[in-house]
Structures are given as structure tokens and as C-alpha cells.
C-alpha atoms as a PDB file:
ATOM      1  CA  MET A   1     -13.170  12.059  -9.306  1.00  0.00           C
ATOM      2  CA  ILE A   2     -10.711   9.197  -9.754  1.00  0.00           C
ATOM      3  CA  LYS A   3     -11.265   7.227 -12.974  1.00  0.00           C
ATOM      4  CA  THR A   4     -11.072   3.651 -11.741  1.00  0.00           C
ATOM      5  CA  ILE A   5     -10.885   0.189 -13.328  1.00  0.00           C
ATOM      6  CA  LEU A   6     -11.357  -3.089 -11.439  1.00  0.00           C
ATOM      7  CA  ILE A   7      -9.455  -6.155 -12.675  1.00  0.00           C
ATOM      8  CA  ASP A   8     -10.541  -9.401 -10.993  1.00  0.00           C
ATOM      9  CA  ASP A   9     -11.868 -12.788 -12.118  1.00  0.00           C
ATOM     10  CA  GLU A  10     -14.109 -13.447  -9.107  1.00  0.00           C
ATOM     11  CA  GLN A  11     -17.544 -11.820  -9.020  1.00  0.00           C
ATOM     12  CA  HIS A  12     -17.848 -11.822  -5.216  1.00  0.00           C
ATOM     13  CA  CYS A  13     -14.540  -9.897  -4.993  1.00  0.00           C
ATOM     14  CA  ILE A  14     -15.757  -7.385  -7.576  1.00  0.00           C
ATOM     15  CA  THR A  15     -19.030  -6.981  -5.678  1.00  0.00           C
ATOM     16  CA  ARG A  16     -17.116  -6.356  -2.449  1.00  0.00           C
ATOM     17  CA  LEU A  17     -14.969  -3.683  -4.100  1.00  0.00           C
ATOM     18  CA  GLN A  18     -18.017  -2.047  -5.652  1.00  0.00           C
ATOM     19  CA  ASP A  19     -19.684  -1.895  -2.247  1.00  0.00           C
ATOM     20  CA  LEU A  20     -16.631  -0.306  -0.616  1.00  0.00           C
ATOM     21  CA  ILE A  21     -16.207   2.138  -3.501  1.00  0.00           C
ATOM     22  CA  SER A  22     -19.874   3.157  -3.277  1.00  0.00           C
ATOM     23  CA  ARG A  23     -19.212   4.451   0.232  1.00  0.00           C
ATOM     24  CA  HIS A  24     -17.000   7.142  -1.342  1.00  0.00           C
ATOM     25  CA  PRO A  25     -19.400   8.541  -3.961  1.00  0.00           C
ATOM     26  CA  ASN A  26     -17.387  11.712  -4.569  1.00  0.00           C
ATOM     27  CA  THR A  27     -14.037   9.943  -4.882  1.00  0.00           C
ATOM     28  CA  PHE A  28     -14.293   7.140  -7.453  1.00  0.00           C
ATOM     29  CA  ASN A  29     -15.783   6.824 -10.927  1.00  0.00           C
ATOM     30  CA  VAL A  30     -15.632   3.165 -12.004  1.00  0.00           C
ATOM     31  CA  ILE A  31     -15.267   3.252 -15.788  1.00  0.00           C
ATOM     32  CA  ALA A  32     -14.684  -0.464 -16.466  1.00  0.00           C
ATOM     33  CA  ILE A  33     -14.515  -3.929 -14.916  1.00  0.00           C
ATOM     34  CA  CYS A  34     -12.224  -6.545 -16.492  1.00  0.00           C
ATOM     35  CA  ASN A  35     -12.270 -10.278 -15.782  1.00  0.00           C
ATOM     36  CA  THR A  36      -9.170 -11.365 -17.728  1.00  0.00           C
ATOM     37  CA  VAL A  37      -5.663 -10.066 -18.379  1.00  0.00           C
ATOM     38  CA  GLU A  38      -6.376  -9.971 -22.109  1.00  0.00           C
ATOM     39  CA  GLU A  39      -9.478  -7.834 -21.617  1.00  0.00           C
ATOM     40  CA  ALA A  40      -7.591  -5.488 -19.293  1.00  0.00           C
ATOM     41  CA  LEU A  41      -4.739  -5.076 -21.801  1.00  0.00           C
ATOM     42  CA  ASN A  42      -7.299  -4.038 -24.410  1.00  0.00           C
ATOM     43  CA  VAL A  43      -9.387  -1.732 -22.203  1.00  0.00           C
ATOM     44  CA  VAL A  44      -6.895   0.056 -19.957  1.00  0.00           C
ATOM     45  CA  PRO A  45      -4.788   1.823 -22.642  1.00  0.00           C
ATOM     46  CA  LYS A  46      -7.970   3.052 -24.338  1.00  0.00           C
ATOM     47  CA  LEU A  47      -9.692   4.399 -21.216  1.00  0.00           C
ATOM     48  CA  GLN A  48      -6.611   5.855 -19.491  1.00  0.00           C
ATOM     49  CA  PRO A  49      -7.658   5.318 -15.846  1.00  0.00           C
ATOM     50  CA  ASP A  50      -6.189   7.133 -12.874  1.00  0.00           C
ATOM     51  CA  LEU A  51      -6.327   4.018 -10.701  1.00  0.00           C
ATOM     52  CA  VAL A  52      -6.508   0.238 -11.137  1.00  0.00           C
ATOM     53  CA  PHE A  53      -7.522  -2.222  -8.434  1.00  0.00           C
ATOM     54  CA  LEU A  54      -5.509  -5.236  -9.613  1.00  0.00           C
ATOM     55  CA  ASP A  55      -6.009  -8.833  -8.540  1.00  0.00           C
ATOM     56  CA  ILE A  56      -2.882 -10.998  -8.379  1.00  0.00           C
ATOM     57  CA  LYS A  57      -4.271 -14.319  -9.643  1.00  0.00           C
ATOM     58  CA  ILE A  58      -6.546 -13.859 -12.665  1.00  0.00           C
ATOM     59  CA  HIS A  59      -7.553 -17.254 -14.085  1.00  0.00           C
ATOM     60  CA  ASP A  60      -4.291 -18.822 -15.313  1.00  0.00           C
ATOM     61  CA  ARG A  61      -2.421 -15.493 -15.427  1.00  0.00           C
ATOM     62  CA  THR A  62      -1.431 -12.788 -12.951  1.00  0.00           C
ATOM     63  CA  GLY A  63      -1.681  -9.063 -12.390  1.00  0.00           C
ATOM     64  CA  PHE A  64       2.068  -8.971 -12.927  1.00  0.00           C
ATOM     65  CA  ASP A  65       1.537 -10.349 -16.463  1.00  0.00           C
ATOM     66  CA  PHE A  66      -0.831  -7.444 -17.081  1.00  0.00           C
ATOM     67  CA  LEU A  67       1.713  -4.848 -15.939  1.00  0.00           C
ATOM     68  CA  ARG A  68       4.587  -6.458 -17.877  1.00  0.00           C
ATOM     69  CA  ASN A  69       2.622  -6.338 -21.132  1.00  0.00           C
ATOM     70  CA  LEU A  70       1.644  -2.666 -20.993  1.00  0.00           C
ATOM     71  CA  GLN A  71       3.655  -0.265 -23.109  1.00  0.00           C
ATOM     72  CA  ALA A  72       3.299   2.417 -20.423  1.00  0.00           C
ATOM     73  CA  VAL A  73       1.878   2.602 -16.922  1.00  0.00           C
ATOM     74  CA  ASN A  74       0.500   6.035 -16.074  1.00  0.00           C
ATOM     75  CA  PHE A  75      -1.993   5.121 -13.379  1.00  0.00           C
ATOM     76  CA  LYS A  76      -1.824   4.219  -9.699  1.00  0.00           C
ATOM     77  CA  VAL A  77      -2.155   0.574  -8.668  1.00  0.00           C
ATOM     78  CA  ILE A  78      -3.693  -0.997  -5.578  1.00  0.00           C
ATOM     79  CA  PHE A  79      -3.166  -4.756  -5.535  1.00  0.00           C
ATOM     80  CA  THR A  80      -5.882  -7.030  -4.167  1.00  0.00           C
ATOM     81  CA  THR A  81      -4.816 -10.489  -3.088  1.00  0.00           C
ATOM     82  CA  ALA A  82      -5.398 -13.436  -0.834  1.00  0.00           C
ATOM     83  CA  PHE A  83      -2.536 -13.783   1.623  1.00  0.00           C
ATOM     84  CA  ASP A  84       0.742 -14.381  -0.195  1.00  0.00           C
ATOM     85  CA  LYS A  85       3.677 -13.687   2.110  1.00  0.00           C
ATOM     86  CA  TYR A  86       6.183 -13.547  -0.728  1.00  0.00           C
ATOM     87  CA  ALA A  87       4.182 -11.103  -2.867  1.00  0.00           C
ATOM     88  CA  ILE A  88       3.242  -8.937   0.115  1.00  0.00           C
ATOM     89  CA  LYS A  89       6.893  -8.598   1.086  1.00  0.00           C
ATOM     90  CA  ALA A  90       7.649  -7.443  -2.483  1.00  0.00           C
ATOM     91  CA  PHE A  91       4.823  -4.879  -2.248  1.00  0.00           C
ATOM     92  CA  LYS A  92       6.253  -3.522   0.988  1.00  0.00           C
ATOM     93  CA  PHE A  93       9.766  -3.302  -0.437  1.00  0.00           C
ATOM     94  CA  SER A  94       8.453  -1.421  -3.469  1.00  0.00           C
ATOM     95  CA  ALA A  95       6.037   0.866  -1.537  1.00  0.00           C
ATOM     96  CA  PHE A  96       2.951  -0.445  -3.344  1.00  0.00           C
ATOM     97  CA  ASP A  97      -0.437  -0.375  -1.666  1.00  0.00           C
ATOM     98  CA  TYR A  98      -2.282  -3.676  -1.341  1.00  0.00           C
ATOM     99  CA  LEU A  99      -5.511  -5.012   0.159  1.00  0.00           C
ATOM    100  CA  LEU A 100      -5.870  -8.513   1.554  1.00  0.00           C
ATOM    101  CA  LYS A 101      -8.982 -10.476   0.609  1.00  0.00           C
ATOM    102  CA  PRO A 102     -11.598 -10.532   2.010  1.00  0.00           C
ATOM    103  CA  ILE A 103     -11.120  -6.758   2.001  1.00  0.00           C
ATOM    104  CA  ASP A 104     -11.720  -5.087   5.342  1.00  0.00           C
ATOM    105  CA  VAL A 105     -13.556  -1.753   5.294  1.00  0.00           C
ATOM    106  CA  ASP A 106     -10.988  -0.041   7.541  1.00  0.00           C
ATOM    107  CA  ASP A 107      -8.110  -1.265   5.366  1.00  0.00           C
ATOM    108  CA  PHE A 108      -9.930   0.038   2.301  1.00  0.00           C
ATOM    109  CA  ASN A 109     -10.495   3.432   3.919  1.00  0.00           C
ATOM    110  CA  ASP A 110      -6.814   3.607   4.876  1.00  0.00           C
ATOM    111  CA  SER A 111      -5.896   2.945   1.240  1.00  0.00           C
ATOM    112  CA  VAL A 112      -8.248   5.706   0.107  1.00  0.00           C
ATOM    113  CA  ASN A 113      -6.565   8.142   2.484  1.00  0.00           C
ATOM    114  CA  ARG A 114      -3.105   7.160   1.250  1.00  0.00           C
ATOM    115  CA  LEU A 115      -4.309   7.465  -2.316  1.00  0.00           C
ATOM    116  CA  LYS A 116      -5.523  11.012  -1.754  1.00  0.00           C
ATOM    117  CA  ASN A 117      -2.143  11.972  -0.279  1.00  0.00           C
ATOM    118  CA  LYS A 118      -0.151  10.723  -3.266  1.00  0.00           C
ATOM    119  CA  LYS A 119       0.944  13.622  -5.438  1.00  0.00           C
ATOM    120  CA  ASN A 120       1.360  12.135  -8.911  1.00  0.00           C
ATOM    121  CA  ASN A 121       2.198   9.107 -11.054  1.00  0.00           C
ATOM    122  CA  GLU A 122       5.653  10.217 -12.191  1.00  0.00           C
ATOM    123  CA  THR A 123       7.422   7.417 -10.359  1.00  0.00           C
ATOM    124  CA  ILE A 124       5.046   4.500 -11.038  1.00  0.00           C
ATOM    125  CA  GLU A 125       7.108   2.846 -13.780  1.00  0.00           C
ATOM    126  CA  SER A 126      10.242   2.924 -11.611  1.00  0.00           C
ATOM    127  CA  GLN A 127       8.257   1.401  -8.748  1.00  0.00           C
ATOM    128  CA  ILE A 128       7.023  -1.372 -11.029  1.00  0.00           C
ATOM    129  CA  LYS A 129      10.592  -2.056 -12.164  1.00  0.00           C
ATOM    130  CA  ASN A 130      11.632  -2.329  -8.507  1.00  0.00           C
ATOM    131  CA  LEU A 131       8.641  -4.559  -7.799  1.00  0.00           C
ATOM    132  CA  PHE A 132       9.617  -7.017 -10.534  1.00  0.00           C
ATOM    133  CA  ASN A 133      13.176  -7.073  -9.177  1.00  0.00           C
ATOM    134  CA  ASN A 134      11.887  -7.745  -5.671  1.00  0.00           C
ATOM    135  CA  LEU A 135       9.679 -10.602  -6.863  1.00  0.00           C
ATOM    136  CA  LYS A 136      12.789 -12.484  -7.985  1.00  0.00           C
ATOM    137  CA  PRO A 137      14.141 -15.065  -5.509  1.00  0.00           C
ATOM    138  CA  ASN A 138      17.380 -13.252  -4.726  1.00  0.00           C
ATOM    139  CA  LYS A 139      18.751 -11.323  -1.768  1.00  0.00           C
ATOM    140  CA  ASN A 140      19.610  -8.140  -3.647  1.00  0.00           C
ATOM    141  CA  LYS A 141      16.335  -6.397  -2.989  1.00  0.00           C
ATOM    142  CA  ILE A 142      15.571  -2.718  -3.514  1.00  0.00           C
ATOM    143  CA  ILE A 143      13.673  -0.787  -0.858  1.00  0.00           C
ATOM    144  CA  THR A 144      11.475   2.019  -2.143  1.00  0.00           C
ATOM    145  CA  ILE A 145      11.161   4.865   0.366  1.00  0.00           C
ATOM    146  CA  PRO A 146       8.348   7.373  -0.283  1.00  0.00           C
ATOM    147  CA  SER A 147       9.085  11.069   0.199  1.00  0.00           C
ATOM    148  CA  LEU A 148       7.192  14.338  -0.189  1.00  0.00           C
ATOM    149  CA  THR A 149       8.562  14.752  -3.716  1.00  0.00           C
ATOM    150  CA  GLY A 150       8.380  11.133  -4.911  1.00  0.00           C
ATOM    151  CA  PHE A 151      10.566   8.315  -3.630  1.00  0.00           C
ATOM    152  CA  GLU A 152      14.136   7.113  -3.352  1.00  0.00           C
ATOM    153  CA  THR A 153      15.525   3.598  -3.536  1.00  0.00           C
ATOM    154  CA  LEU A 154      18.168   1.744  -1.554  1.00  0.00           C
ATOM    155  CA  LYS A 155      19.722  -1.639  -2.262  1.00  0.00           C
ATOM    156  CA  THR A 156      19.464  -3.752   0.864  1.00  0.00           C
ATOM    157  CA  GLU A 157      23.089  -4.837   0.428  1.00  0.00           C
ATOM    158  CA  ASP A 158      24.119  -1.170   0.797  1.00  0.00           C
ATOM    159  CA  ILE A 159      22.314  -0.703   4.117  1.00  0.00           C
ATOM    160  CA  VAL A 160      24.823  -0.700   6.978  1.00  0.00           C
ATOM    161  CA  HIS A 161      22.478  -0.331   9.929  1.00  0.00           C
ATOM    162  CA  LEU A 162      19.122   1.052  11.057  1.00  0.00           C
ATOM    163  CA  GLU A 163      18.387   3.007  14.198  1.00  0.00           C
ATOM    164  CA  ALA A 164      14.988   3.487  15.837  1.00  0.00           C
ATOM    165  CA  ASP A 165      13.843   6.950  16.908  1.00  0.00           C
ATOM    166  CA  THR A 166      10.366   6.541  18.435  1.00  0.00           C
ATOM    167  CA  SER A 167       8.038   5.980  15.442  1.00  0.00           C
ATOM    168  CA  ILE A 168      10.616   6.770  12.756  1.00  0.00           C
ATOM    169  CA  THR A 169      13.734   4.946  11.556  1.00  0.00           C
ATOM    170  CA  HIS A 170      17.126   6.239  10.462  1.00  0.00           C
ATOM    171  CA  ILE A 171      18.600   4.095   7.685  1.00  0.00           C
ATOM    172  CA  TYR A 172      22.371   4.385   7.256  1.00  0.00           C
ATOM    173  CA  THR A 173      24.484   3.444   4.268  1.00  0.00           C
ATOM    174  CA  LYS A 174      28.218   4.136   4.000  1.00  0.00           C
ATOM    175  CA  ASN A 175      27.662   7.641   2.713  1.00  0.00           C
ATOM    176  CA  LYS A 176      24.270   8.884   3.825  1.00  0.00           C
ATOM    177  CA  LYS A 177      21.351   8.716   6.236  1.00  0.00           C
ATOM    178  CA  THR A 178      17.697   8.415   5.214  1.00  0.00           C
ATOM    179  CA  VAL A 179      14.852   9.117   7.630  1.00  0.00           C
ATOM    180  CA  VAL A 180      11.696   7.042   7.177  1.00  0.00           C
ATOM    181  CA  SER A 181       8.343   7.486   8.903  1.00  0.00           C
ATOM    182  CA  LYS A 182       8.028   3.804   9.805  1.00  0.00           C
ATOM    183  CA  PRO A 183       9.029   2.000  13.008  1.00  0.00           C
ATOM    184  CA  ILE A 184      12.090  -0.230  12.992  1.00  0.00           C
ATOM    185  CA  LYS A 185       9.822  -3.282  13.489  1.00  0.00           C
ATOM    186  CA  PHE A 186       8.581  -2.786   9.912  1.00  0.00           C
ATOM    187  CA  TYR A 187      12.121  -3.281   8.597  1.00  0.00           C
ATOM    188  CA  GLU A 188      12.921  -6.059  11.053  1.00  0.00           C
ATOM    189  CA  ASP A 189      10.039  -8.071   9.557  1.00  0.00           C
ATOM    190  CA  LEU A 190      10.932  -7.077   6.003  1.00  0.00           C
ATOM    191  CA  LEU A 191      14.690  -7.515   5.743  1.00  0.00           C
ATOM    192  CA  ASP A 192      16.395 -10.865   5.204  1.00  0.00           C
ATOM    193  CA  GLU A 193      17.135 -12.339   8.611  1.00  0.00           C
ATOM    194  CA  THR A 194      20.213 -14.152   7.287  1.00  0.00           C
ATOM    195  CA  SER A 195      21.860 -10.777   6.609  1.00  0.00           C
ATOM    196  CA  PHE A 196      20.258  -8.498   9.190  1.00  0.00           C
ATOM    197  CA  PHE A 197      20.378  -8.870  12.951  1.00  0.00           C
ATOM    198  CA  LYS A 198      18.745  -6.865  15.738  1.00  0.00           C
ATOM    199  CA  THR A 199      21.551  -6.213  18.229  1.00  0.00           C
ATOM    200  CA  HIS A 200      19.467  -4.014  20.500  1.00  0.00           C
ATOM    201  CA  LYS A 201      15.853  -2.828  20.730  1.00  0.00           C
ATOM    202  CA  SER A 202      16.844   0.289  18.795  1.00  0.00           C
ATOM    203  CA  TYR A 203      19.348  -1.139  16.282  1.00  0.00           C
ATOM    204  CA  LEU A 204      19.264  -3.471  13.307  1.00  0.00           C
ATOM    205  CA  ILE A 205      22.570  -4.177  11.562  1.00  0.00           C
ATOM    206  CA  ASN A 206      23.685  -5.726   8.299  1.00  0.00           C
ATOM    207  CA  ILE A 207      26.007  -8.544   9.359  1.00  0.00           C
ATOM    208  CA  ASN A 208      27.977  -8.159   6.126  1.00  0.00           C
ATOM    209  CA  HIS A 209      29.043  -4.651   7.156  1.00  0.00           C
ATOM    210  CA  VAL A 210      30.513  -5.550  10.572  1.00  0.00           C
ATOM    211  CA  LYS A 211      34.197  -4.528  10.773  1.00  0.00           C
ATOM    212  CA  LYS A 212      35.065  -5.123  14.433  1.00  0.00           C
ATOM    213  CA  TYR A 213      33.510  -6.546  17.561  1.00  0.00           C
ATOM    214  CA  TYR A 214      34.421  -5.359  21.070  1.00  0.00           C
ATOM    215  CA  LYS A 215      33.484  -7.643  23.938  1.00  0.00           C
ATOM    216  CA  GLY A 216      32.929  -6.639  27.525  1.00  0.00           C
ATOM    217  CA  LYS A 217      30.129  -5.474  29.778  1.00  0.00           C
ATOM    218  CA  HIS A 218      29.030  -2.992  27.129  1.00  0.00           C
ATOM    219  CA  SER A 219      29.693  -4.880  23.908  1.00  0.00           C
ATOM    220  CA  TYR A 220      29.482  -3.127  20.572  1.00  0.00           C
ATOM    221  CA  VAL A 221      30.393  -3.474  16.917  1.00  0.00           C
ATOM    222  CA  VAL A 222      32.041  -1.026  14.531  1.00  0.00           C
ATOM    223  CA  MET A 223      30.330  -0.990  11.171  1.00  0.00           C
ATOM    224  CA  SER A 224      31.770  -0.297   7.717  1.00  0.00           C
ATOM    225  CA  ASN A 225      30.655   3.346   8.015  1.00  0.00           C
ATOM    226  CA  ASN A 226      32.558   3.516  11.360  1.00  0.00           C
ATOM    227  CA  ALA A 227      29.357   3.755  13.385  1.00  0.00           C
ATOM    228  CA  GLN A 228      29.463   2.104  16.807  1.00  0.00           C
ATOM    229  CA  VAL A 229      26.371   0.007  17.462  1.00  0.00           C
ATOM    230  CA  PRO A 230      25.661  -1.490  20.912  1.00  0.00           C
ATOM    231  CA  ILE A 231      24.879  -5.158  21.482  1.00  0.00           C
ATOM    232  CA  SER A 232      22.557  -5.883  24.368  1.00  0.00           C
ATOM    233  CA  VAL A 233      23.507  -8.547  26.909  1.00  0.00           C
ATOM    234  CA  ARG A 234      20.645 -10.829  25.889  1.00  0.00           C
ATOM    235  CA  LYS A 235      21.596 -10.581  22.212  1.00  0.00           C
ATOM    236  CA  LYS A 236      25.342 -11.161  22.603  1.00  0.00           C
ATOM    237  CA  GLU A 237      25.349 -14.977  22.478  1.00  0.00           C
ATOM    238  CA  GLU A 238      23.059 -15.103  19.444  1.00  0.00           C
ATOM    239  CA  PHE A 239      25.175 -12.454  17.708  1.00  0.00           C
ATOM    240  CA  LEU A 240      28.427 -14.378  18.234  1.00  0.00           C
ATOM    241  CA  LYS A 241      26.889 -17.557  16.813  1.00  0.00           C
ATOM    242  CA  ARG A 242      26.556 -15.731  13.504  1.00  0.00           C
ATOM    243  CA  PHE A 243      30.348 -15.743  13.265  1.00  0.00           C
ATOM    244  CA  ASP A 244      31.060 -19.300  14.432  1.00  0.00           C
END
């Protein structure tokens, strides 16, 4: 069973989590409930949980304060939060699981399934480091891409273009290609729209990596990795405005 700690300052949220957890009696063993960051910092290192459900806003502090003040993080984290577009985008960049309050039973069950498929905690501290970077208000974000053996990271500024292939996406940098089991729409919503532009239903490019543009009936751009990416007729005018 998964040794689990709940960290939240609202009793109705704790009760909801307890109810959802109780529906998986052979999966979770709740060993502690903490209502403050200070309490959590005292309890968690002593009890060594496998998993922490971590609220974002805890009284006048945050779940991020809790993580920053730990000497080591050797447990999985599922964030629980009211809708916060900025934080959620950081979670997605860093491949962290999160649950929106009020927590939906199907979303919870999906998280349980993802949790069971995760192999180990070896990469958690690197993910947290990436998360803190991605919470900063800058454009140099780091995407965390899960793999069968752990994860790899890519700086968004190094991404040249993305190409859709049914339900997966090929991400190209100057020197390599990474295949991700997410649709291109996921990255279209995630990546900074001032730097990335969807030229075609199957392509998303980093404007900063455009080398040449060729006009005509079948317009296209040549990227810094020498890839030729088509520009659809309906996207051409909007694309050219980016270079006015």
C-alpha cells in the first residue's frame, strides 16, 4: 500500500480526499494529515511517505514553501488546487500531477492510474527544480517529458518546431527529435503564444527559429534545423504580421 500524507488547511477538502481515497482500500494507507506548512515540515521527514497530496494555498503559506524547505524530497506529489492558470501551466510544463478543487471522482481515479504506472521517485527532485523555474515569470521555461525510464527536459527556447502525428507529437530541436504521447493541442495551449505559432493544423513553430520564408500558392518556412514547414493559406496573413 502507498503510505500517504494529506496536507491541506480546509477540512471539507480533507474530507473529500478521504472519501475518494476510501474507494481504493487496497491502494492507500493515510498515515498523517497536516493543516499547516510547519506541521508538514515536522511530520513528513519523520514518517517518510510514498505520496503527498499537497494543497497550494495553506493559510498564509504555500505548498511550494513546504517543498522548498525540505532537505530532500523522496516521495511523489499530487497537487490539489483551486483553479490557478499560472500554477497549472507550471505543473504541465514540469509533468506534475494535479487535481482541481472540488476534486472530481473521475479525475481522482485517473491520477490513481497514473500513480500506479510511475516507476520510481528517482527524478522527483529534478522535477521540483524545473517546477520552481517554471513558476518564475520568464519565457525560458523547461518542459519535462516523461519516458519509460524517467524523463527528459527541453528548454522551450531550444524547440524549433512541433509536428502532429495523430495522437502523438514530434518535438524537434536543432539536433534531435523527441516523440511525446500527447496531441499537439496540448503544446499549443502550453507554449508562449508570443514565440510559438501554429502555421498549419499539424505544425507549431518557434518564430525565433525561422530562417527563410517562401511565398506562393504553397507557402513554407525553413527553420534553423533546415526543416521545411508548410503555412496554410488561412494562416499566411497572420504569420506575416508577426514580422511587420
